[in-house]
Amino acid sequence: MFLVCEFEENCLPKGATIFIVECQRTWPTTHVGDRHIFQFGALGGATEADFFQGGENVAEYLQHYQSPRRQWNPPTPDGERPEAEWGFEETLRDDIENVARDRGYQIQRIIFQEPEHLSPFVAELYRWWYEQQGIIANRLLVESFILLEPMWAGSIH
């Protein structure tokens, strides 16, 4: 909480708005201890079925990387919880709301089901911002996850 408070005290004026970005995406997980959740696999590429039931795609993947295995043996999930990278843990909202209330900030929640559902809004936001800055706004470089091309980004003018 210290870093959040330090940031907001130094950067947010009274009455500022805090945006809570709440992706509702979940994934099968296993509770392994107090405050410890294990997520086998993740969104992107392989499907949940591939991770938990295996199949030809998994066998080929493991063979390609010279694994002696042809299937995974993940722990049995005991529930659906927020996806580790994209999902929003709802218990965080109480802390954010408390800080906002104590310091006079507004809150706006942005709620969506899948990570990519916000992409059209973000693209239009950049288009609007570029136009406000006098930057050509009819092109957009989209980079995703680990698929980044820094050399391309630097050469687009």
Foldseek 3Di string as FASTA:
>chain_A
DVVVVVCCVVPPDAAAEDEAEAAAEKAFWADDDDVDIGGFDAPDDDDNCCQDVNDDVQQVVCVVVPHPDRHDDDDHGPDIDATPPHHDHVVVVVVVVVVCVVRRYHYDYHYYHDPCVCVVVVLVVVLVVCVVVVHDRPDDDDADDPRDDVVVVVPDD
